[in-house]
Amino acid sequence: MQQQLIDIAKDFEAFSIALDKSTDITDTSHCAVFIRGVDKYLNMTEELLDLLPLTGATTGHDIFRELERCLEKSGLQWTKLVSVATDGAPAMCSNNVGVVGLLKAKLKSFGATGTVSTTHCILHQEALCSKSL
């Protein structure tokens, strides 16, 4: 199934990713990477790309390093990345050491001319709000 997604993703004209870091009941951290892409015929694909295991610290650098491996293993071109959605944690959103900041720096090093849109996932805000009610 993942190979099918990788084959489809090679034809993406543009894609976006959503990242969700969580910790399971055994205190192991994971980062789910969802991808949404569109090809030249405007066919849209949205799937779970990978579930990244995070060992030890879960800093922005650690998460970014695993994300780099994931995207490169999948054969996705960094310059086609147009949007990133995260859970809003500092390790994800910080402009200096968060995943978003590191992504923007990587794209700049490739000479990408467009900007990457970043979004704080509304579901996390809703979950936080419901806990306080």
N, C-alpha and C. Protein backbone atom coordinates (compact mmCIF):
# COMPACT_ATOMS: atom_id res chain seq x y z
N MET A 1 0.82 -1.19 0.00
CA MET A 1 0.00 0.00 0.00
C MET A 1 0.86 1.26 0.00
N GLN A 2 1.92 1.27 0.83
CA GLN A 2 2.77 2.46 0.87
C GLN A 2 3.48 2.64 -0.46
N GLN A 3 3.87 1.55 -1.12
CA GLN A 3 4.53 1.67 -2.41
C GLN A 3 3.59 2.29 -3.45
N GLN A 4 2.31 1.95 -3.37
CA GLN A 4 1.33 2.55 -4.28
C GLN A 4 1.25 4.06 -4.06
N LEU A 5 1.24 4.48 -2.80
CA LEU A 5 1.20 5.90 -2.49
C LEU A 5 2.46 6.61 -3.00
N ILE A 6 3.61 5.98 -2.83
CA ILE A 6 4.86 6.56 -3.31
C ILE A 6 4.83 6.71 -4.83
N ASP A 7 4.29 5.70 -5.53
CA ASP A 7 4.18 5.77 -6.99
C ASP A 7 3.26 6.92 -7.42
N ILE A 8 2.16 7.11 -6.71
CA ILE A 8 1.23 8.20 -7.01
C ILE A 8 1.89 9.55 -6.71
N ALA A 9 2.61 9.62 -5.59
CA ALA A 9 3.21 10.88 -5.14
C ALA A 9 4.28 11.40 -6.10
N LYS A 10 4.89 10.52 -6.87
CA LYS A 10 5.91 10.96 -7.82
C LYS A 10 5.34 11.90 -8.87
N ASP A 11 4.02 11.83 -9.10
CA ASP A 11 3.38 12.68 -10.11
C ASP A 11 2.74 13.93 -9.52
N PHE A 12 2.92 14.17 -8.23
CA PHE A 12 2.33 15.36 -7.61
C PHE A 12 2.93 16.62 -8.20
N GLU A 13 2.06 17.56 -8.53
CA GLU A 13 2.50 18.90 -8.93
C GLU A 13 2.76 19.74 -7.68
N ALA A 14 2.02 19.47 -6.62
CA ALA A 14 2.17 20.15 -5.34
C ALA A 14 1.64 19.23 -4.26
N PHE A 15 2.17 19.38 -3.05
CA PHE A 15 1.66 18.58 -1.93
C PHE A 15 1.78 19.35 -0.63
N SER A 16 0.98 18.92 0.33
CA SER A 16 1.05 19.49 1.67
C SER A 16 1.16 18.33 2.65
N ILE A 17 1.66 18.64 3.83
CA ILE A 17 1.77 17.61 4.87
C ILE A 17 1.13 18.12 6.15
N ALA A 18 0.64 17.18 6.93
CA ALA A 18 0.13 17.47 8.27
C ALA A 18 0.90 16.58 9.23
N LEU A 19 1.38 17.17 10.31
CA LEU A 19 2.19 16.44 11.29
C LEU A 19 1.46 16.42 12.62
N ASP A 20 1.44 15.25 13.24
CA ASP A 20 0.79 15.13 14.55
C ASP A 20 1.66 14.25 15.44
N LYS A 21 2.29 14.87 16.42
CA LYS A 21 3.13 14.14 17.36
C LYS A 21 2.29 13.74 18.56
N SER A 22 2.42 12.49 18.96
CA SER A 22 1.71 12.02 20.14
C SER A 22 2.55 10.97 20.85
N THR A 23 2.14 10.67 22.06
CA THR A 23 2.83 9.67 22.87
C THR A 23 1.83 8.58 23.22
N ASP A 24 2.23 7.33 23.01
CA ASP A 24 1.30 6.22 23.29
C ASP A 24 1.37 5.82 24.76
N ILE A 25 0.62 4.79 25.13
CA ILE A 25 0.53 4.40 26.55
C ILE A 25 1.82 3.80 27.09
N THR A 26 2.76 3.43 26.20
CA THR A 26 4.05 2.93 26.66
C THR A 26 5.10 4.04 26.72
N ASP A 27 4.63 5.30 26.62
CA ASP A 27 5.49 6.48 26.70
C ASP A 27 6.46 6.58 25.52
N THR A 28 6.04 6.05 24.37
CA THR A 28 6.82 6.15 23.14
C THR A 28 6.19 7.22 22.25
N SER A 29 7.03 8.13 21.77
CA SER A 29 6.53 9.21 20.91
C SER A 29 6.56 8.78 19.45
N HIS A 30 5.56 9.24 18.72
CA HIS A 30 5.45 9.00 17.28
C HIS A 30 5.00 10.29 16.63
N CYS A 31 5.31 10.42 15.36
CA CYS A 31 4.82 11.56 14.59
C CYS A 31 4.15 11.01 13.34
N ALA A 32 2.84 11.24 13.24
CA ALA A 32 2.10 10.82 12.06
C ALA A 32 2.28 11.87 10.98
N VAL A 33 2.58 11.42 9.76
CA VAL A 33 2.76 12.31 8.62
C VAL A 33 1.67 11.99 7.60
N PHE A 34 0.76 12.94 7.44
CA PHE A 34 -0.29 12.80 6.44
C PHE A 34 0.10 13.65 5.24
N ILE A 35 -0.25 13.17 4.07
CA ILE A 35 0.09 13.90 2.85
C ILE A 35 -1.17 14.11 2.02
N ARG A 36 -1.24 15.25 1.41
CA ARG A 36 -2.30 15.56 0.44
C ARG A 36 -1.60 16.16 -0.77
N GLY A 37 -1.83 15.54 -1.92
CA GLY A 37 -1.18 16.02 -3.13
C GLY A 37 -2.13 16.04 -4.30
N VAL A 38 -1.73 16.79 -5.31
CA VAL A 38 -2.55 16.92 -6.51
C VAL A 38 -1.64 16.73 -7.73
N ASP A 39 -2.13 15.98 -8.73
CA ASP A 39 -1.35 15.78 -9.94
C ASP A 39 -1.79 16.76 -11.03
N LYS A 40 -1.22 16.65 -12.20
CA LYS A 40 -1.51 17.61 -13.27
C LYS A 40 -2.93 17.51 -13.79
N TYR A 41 -3.63 16.43 -13.49
CA TYR A 41 -5.03 16.26 -13.89
C TYR A 41 -5.99 16.68 -12.77
N LEU A 42 -5.44 17.26 -11.72
CA LEU A 42 -6.18 17.71 -10.54
C LEU A 42 -6.80 16.56 -9.75
N ASN A 43 -6.21 15.39 -9.86
CA ASN A 43 -6.60 14.26 -9.01
C ASN A 43 -5.93 14.46 -7.66
N MET A 44 -6.73 14.44 -6.60
CA MET A 44 -6.20 14.67 -5.27
C MET A 44 -6.09 13.35 -4.52
N THR A 45 -5.00 13.20 -3.81
CA THR A 45 -4.75 12.02 -2.99
C THR A 45 -4.44 12.49 -1.58
N GLU A 46 -5.06 11.84 -0.61
CA GLU A 46 -4.81 12.17 0.79
C GLU A 46 -4.69 10.87 1.56
N GLU A 47 -3.54 10.66 2.19
CA GLU A 47 -3.27 9.40 2.89
C GLU A 47 -2.30 9.63 4.05
N LEU A 48 -2.22 8.63 4.92
CA LEU A 48 -1.18 8.59 5.93
C LEU A 48 0.09 8.15 5.21
N LEU A 49 1.10 9.00 5.19
CA LEU A 49 2.35 8.68 4.50
C LEU A 49 3.22 7.78 5.36
N ASP A 50 3.33 8.12 6.65
CA ASP A 50 4.21 7.33 7.52
C ASP A 50 3.91 7.65 8.98
N LEU A 51 4.33 6.75 9.84
CA LEU A 51 4.27 6.96 11.29
C LEU A 51 5.71 6.88 11.77
N LEU A 52 6.26 8.02 12.11
CA LEU A 52 7.68 8.11 12.44
C LEU A 52 7.90 7.83 13.92
N PRO A 53 8.74 6.85 14.25
CA PRO A 53 9.07 6.62 15.67
C PRO A 53 10.06 7.68 16.13
N LEU A 54 9.84 8.24 17.29
CA LEU A 54 10.73 9.26 17.83
C LEU A 54 11.31 8.72 19.14
N THR A 55 12.61 8.51 19.17
CA THR A 55 13.24 7.98 20.37
C THR A 55 14.01 9.09 21.07
N GLY A 56 14.04 9.00 22.38
CA GLY A 56 14.76 10.01 23.16
C GLY A 56 14.02 11.33 23.15
N ALA A 57 14.77 12.40 22.95
CA ALA A 57 14.20 13.73 22.93
C ALA A 57 13.35 13.92 21.68
N THR A 58 12.38 14.79 21.77
CA THR A 58 11.55 15.08 20.59
C THR A 58 11.60 16.57 20.30
N THR A 59 12.80 17.04 20.03
CA THR A 59 12.98 18.44 19.68
C THR A 59 12.60 18.65 18.21
N GLY A 60 12.54 19.90 17.82
CA GLY A 60 12.25 20.21 16.42
C GLY A 60 13.26 19.57 15.48
N HIS A 61 14.53 19.56 15.89
CA HIS A 61 15.58 18.95 15.05
C HIS A 61 15.35 17.45 14.90
N ASP A 62 14.98 16.79 15.99
CA ASP A 62 14.74 15.34 15.94
C ASP A 62 13.58 15.00 15.02
N ILE A 63 12.50 15.74 15.16
CA ILE A 63 11.32 15.49 14.32
C ILE A 63 11.63 15.81 12.87
N PHE A 64 12.32 16.92 12.63
CA PHE A 64 12.67 17.31 11.26
C PHE A 64 13.56 16.27 10.60
N ARG A 65 14.53 15.75 11.33
CA ARG A 65 15.44 14.73 10.78
C ARG A 65 14.66 13.51 10.31
N GLU A 66 13.68 13.06 11.13
CA GLU A 66 12.86 11.92 10.73
C GLU A 66 11.96 12.26 9.55
N LEU A 67 11.45 13.49 9.53
CA LEU A 67 10.61 13.93 8.41
C LEU A 67 11.43 13.97 7.12
N GLU A 68 12.66 14.46 7.22
CA GLU A 68 13.55 14.48 6.04
C GLU A 68 13.70 13.07 5.47
N ARG A 69 13.99 12.12 6.35
CA ARG A 69 14.16 10.73 5.90
C ARG A 69 12.89 10.21 5.23
N CYS A 70 11.76 10.53 5.82
CA CYS A 70 10.46 10.09 5.30
C CYS A 70 10.21 10.64 3.90
N LEU A 71 10.40 11.94 3.72
CA LEU A 71 10.13 12.57 2.43
C LEU A 71 11.12 12.09 1.37
N GLU A 72 12.38 11.94 1.74
CA GLU A 72 13.37 11.48 0.78
C GLU A 72 13.14 10.01 0.41
N LYS A 73 12.77 9.19 1.39
CA LYS A 73 12.45 7.78 1.12
C LYS A 73 11.26 7.67 0.17
N SER A 74 10.36 8.61 0.27
CA SER A 74 9.15 8.59 -0.56
C SER A 74 9.38 9.23 -1.94
N GLY A 75 10.56 9.81 -2.15
CA GLY A 75 10.88 10.41 -3.43
C GLY A 75 10.17 11.71 -3.71
N LEU A 76 9.72 12.39 -2.67
CA LEU A 76 9.02 13.66 -2.84
C LEU A 76 10.02 14.80 -3.01
N GLN A 77 9.69 15.72 -3.89
CA GLN A 77 10.55 16.87 -4.13
C GLN A 77 10.19 17.99 -3.15
N TRP A 78 11.17 18.45 -2.40
CA TRP A 78 10.95 19.49 -1.40
C TRP A 78 10.33 20.74 -2.00
N THR A 79 10.71 21.06 -3.22
CA THR A 79 10.26 22.30 -3.84
C THR A 79 8.77 22.27 -4.20
N LYS A 80 8.15 21.11 -4.12
CA LYS A 80 6.71 21.00 -4.41
C LYS A 80 5.86 21.08 -3.15
N LEU A 81 6.50 21.21 -2.00
CA LEU A 81 5.79 21.35 -0.73
C LEU A 81 5.21 22.76 -0.63
N VAL A 82 3.90 22.85 -0.43
CA VAL A 82 3.25 24.17 -0.40
C VAL A 82 2.62 24.51 0.95
N SER A 83 2.39 23.50 1.79
CA SER A 83 1.70 23.78 3.04
C SER A 83 2.06 22.74 4.10
N VAL A 84 2.09 23.20 5.36
CA VAL A 84 2.37 22.33 6.50
C VAL A 84 1.36 22.64 7.60
N ALA A 85 0.70 21.62 8.11
CA ALA A 85 -0.19 21.77 9.27
C ALA A 85 0.45 21.05 10.45
N THR A 86 0.45 21.72 11.60
CA THR A 86 1.04 21.11 12.80
C THR A 86 0.09 21.27 13.98
N ASP A 87 0.50 20.68 15.10
CA ASP A 87 -0.33 20.73 16.31
C ASP A 87 -0.07 21.98 17.14
N GLY A 88 0.85 22.82 16.73
CA GLY A 88 1.09 24.07 17.43
C GLY A 88 2.11 24.01 18.54
N ALA A 89 2.69 22.84 18.80
CA ALA A 89 3.72 22.72 19.83
C ALA A 89 4.97 23.50 19.41
N PRO A 90 5.72 24.04 20.37
CA PRO A 90 6.94 24.79 20.03
C PRO A 90 7.92 23.99 19.18
N ALA A 91 8.03 22.68 19.43
CA ALA A 91 8.94 21.84 18.63
C ALA A 91 8.50 21.80 17.17
N MET A 92 7.25 22.08 16.92
CA MET A 92 6.74 22.09 15.55
C MET A 92 6.79 23.50 14.94
N CYS A 93 6.39 24.51 15.69
CA CYS A 93 6.12 25.84 15.12
C CYS A 93 7.23 26.86 15.22
N SER A 94 8.19 26.67 16.07
CA SER A 94 9.22 27.69 16.27
C SER A 94 9.93 28.02 14.96
N ASN A 95 10.10 29.31 14.71
CA ASN A 95 10.76 29.75 13.48
C ASN A 95 12.25 29.46 13.48
N ASN A 96 12.84 29.25 14.65
CA ASN A 96 14.29 29.01 14.73
C ASN A 96 14.64 27.53 14.82
N VAL A 97 14.00 26.82 15.74
CA VAL A 97 14.39 25.43 15.98
C VAL A 97 13.23 24.44 15.82
N GLY A 98 12.09 24.92 15.38
CA GLY A 98 10.95 24.04 15.17
C GLY A 98 10.96 23.45 13.77
N VAL A 99 10.12 22.46 13.56
CA VAL A 99 10.03 21.80 12.26
C VAL A 99 9.70 22.80 11.15
N VAL A 100 8.77 23.70 11.41
CA VAL A 100 8.37 24.68 10.40
C VAL A 100 9.56 25.57 10.01
N GLY A 101 10.27 26.08 10.98
CA GLY A 101 11.43 26.92 10.69
C GLY A 101 12.51 26.16 9.94
N LEU A 102 12.76 24.92 10.33
CA LEU A 102 13.77 24.11 9.66
C LEU A 102 13.34 23.76 8.23
N LEU A 103 12.04 23.52 8.05
CA LEU A 103 11.52 23.27 6.70
C LEU A 103 11.73 24.48 5.80
N LYS A 104 11.40 25.65 6.31
CA LYS A 104 11.56 26.88 5.52
C LYS A 104 13.02 27.11 5.16
N ALA A 105 13.92 26.84 6.10
CA ALA A 105 15.35 26.99 5.84
C ALA A 105 15.82 26.00 4.77
N LYS A 106 15.32 24.78 4.84
CA LYS A 106 15.69 23.75 3.84
C LYS A 106 15.19 24.17 2.46
N LEU A 107 13.95 24.64 2.37
CA LEU A 107 13.41 25.07 1.09
C LEU A 107 14.20 26.26 0.53
N LYS A 108 14.58 27.17 1.41
CA LYS A 108 15.37 28.33 0.98
C LYS A 108 16.72 27.88 0.42
N SER A 109 17.30 26.84 1.03
CA SER A 109 18.60 26.35 0.55
C SER A 109 18.48 25.72 -0.84
N PHE A 110 17.28 25.26 -1.20
CA PHE A 110 17.03 24.72 -2.54
C PHE A 110 16.69 25.81 -3.54
N GLY A 111 16.56 27.03 -3.06
CA GLY A 111 16.21 28.14 -3.94
C GLY A 111 14.74 28.17 -4.29
N ALA A 112 13.90 27.58 -3.43
CA ALA A 112 12.45 27.59 -3.67
C ALA A 112 11.95 29.03 -3.67
N THR A 113 11.16 29.36 -4.67
CA THR A 113 10.70 30.74 -4.81
C THR A 113 9.39 31.00 -4.08
N GLY A 114 8.56 29.98 -3.92
CA GLY A 114 7.28 30.16 -3.25
C GLY A 114 7.42 30.12 -1.75
N THR A 115 6.35 30.47 -1.07
CA THR A 115 6.35 30.38 0.38
C THR A 115 5.53 29.18 0.81
N VAL A 116 5.89 28.62 1.92
CA VAL A 116 5.15 27.50 2.48
C VAL A 116 4.13 28.05 3.47
N SER A 117 2.90 27.70 3.25
CA SER A 117 1.82 28.11 4.15
C SER A 117 1.84 27.20 5.37
N THR A 118 1.73 27.78 6.56
CA THR A 118 1.69 26.97 7.78
C THR A 118 0.36 27.18 8.49
N THR A 119 -0.15 26.10 9.04
CA THR A 119 -1.45 26.12 9.69
C THR A 119 -1.37 25.38 11.02
N HIS A 120 -2.04 25.92 12.02
CA HIS A 120 -2.22 25.23 13.29
C HIS A 120 -3.52 24.46 13.19
N CYS A 121 -3.43 23.16 13.33
CA CYS A 121 -4.59 22.28 13.16
C CYS A 121 -5.70 22.65 14.13
N ILE A 122 -6.88 22.89 13.61
CA ILE A 122 -8.03 23.31 14.41
C ILE A 122 -8.51 22.21 15.36
N LEU A 123 -8.27 20.95 15.00
CA LEU A 123 -8.73 19.86 15.87
C LEU A 123 -8.02 19.89 17.21
N HIS A 124 -6.76 20.28 17.22
CA HIS A 124 -6.04 20.35 18.49
C HIS A 124 -6.59 21.48 19.35
N GLN A 125 -6.91 22.60 18.73
CA GLN A 125 -7.50 23.70 19.49
C GLN A 125 -8.85 23.28 20.07
N GLU A 126 -9.63 22.54 19.29
CA GLU A 126 -10.93 22.08 19.76
C GLU A 126 -10.77 21.11 20.93
N ALA A 127 -9.80 20.20 20.84
CA ALA A 127 -9.57 19.24 21.91
C ALA A 127 -9.15 19.95 23.20
N LEU A 128 -8.26 20.94 23.07
CA LEU A 128 -7.83 21.69 24.24
C LEU A 128 -8.99 22.46 24.87
N CYS A 129 -9.82 23.04 24.02
CA CYS A 129 -10.97 23.79 24.50
C CYS A 129 -11.95 22.87 25.23
N SER A 130 -12.20 21.70 24.69
CA SER A 130 -13.17 20.78 25.29
C SER A 130 -12.69 20.27 26.66
N LYS A 131 -11.35 20.18 26.85
CA LYS A 131 -10.82 19.74 28.13
C LYS A 131 -11.06 20.77 29.22
N SER A 132 -11.11 22.04 28.83
CA SER A 132 -11.30 23.08 29.84
C SER A 132 -12.77 23.34 30.16
N LEU A 133 -13.67 22.78 29.38
CA LEU A 133 -15.09 23.01 29.63
C LEU A 133 -15.67 22.07 30.63
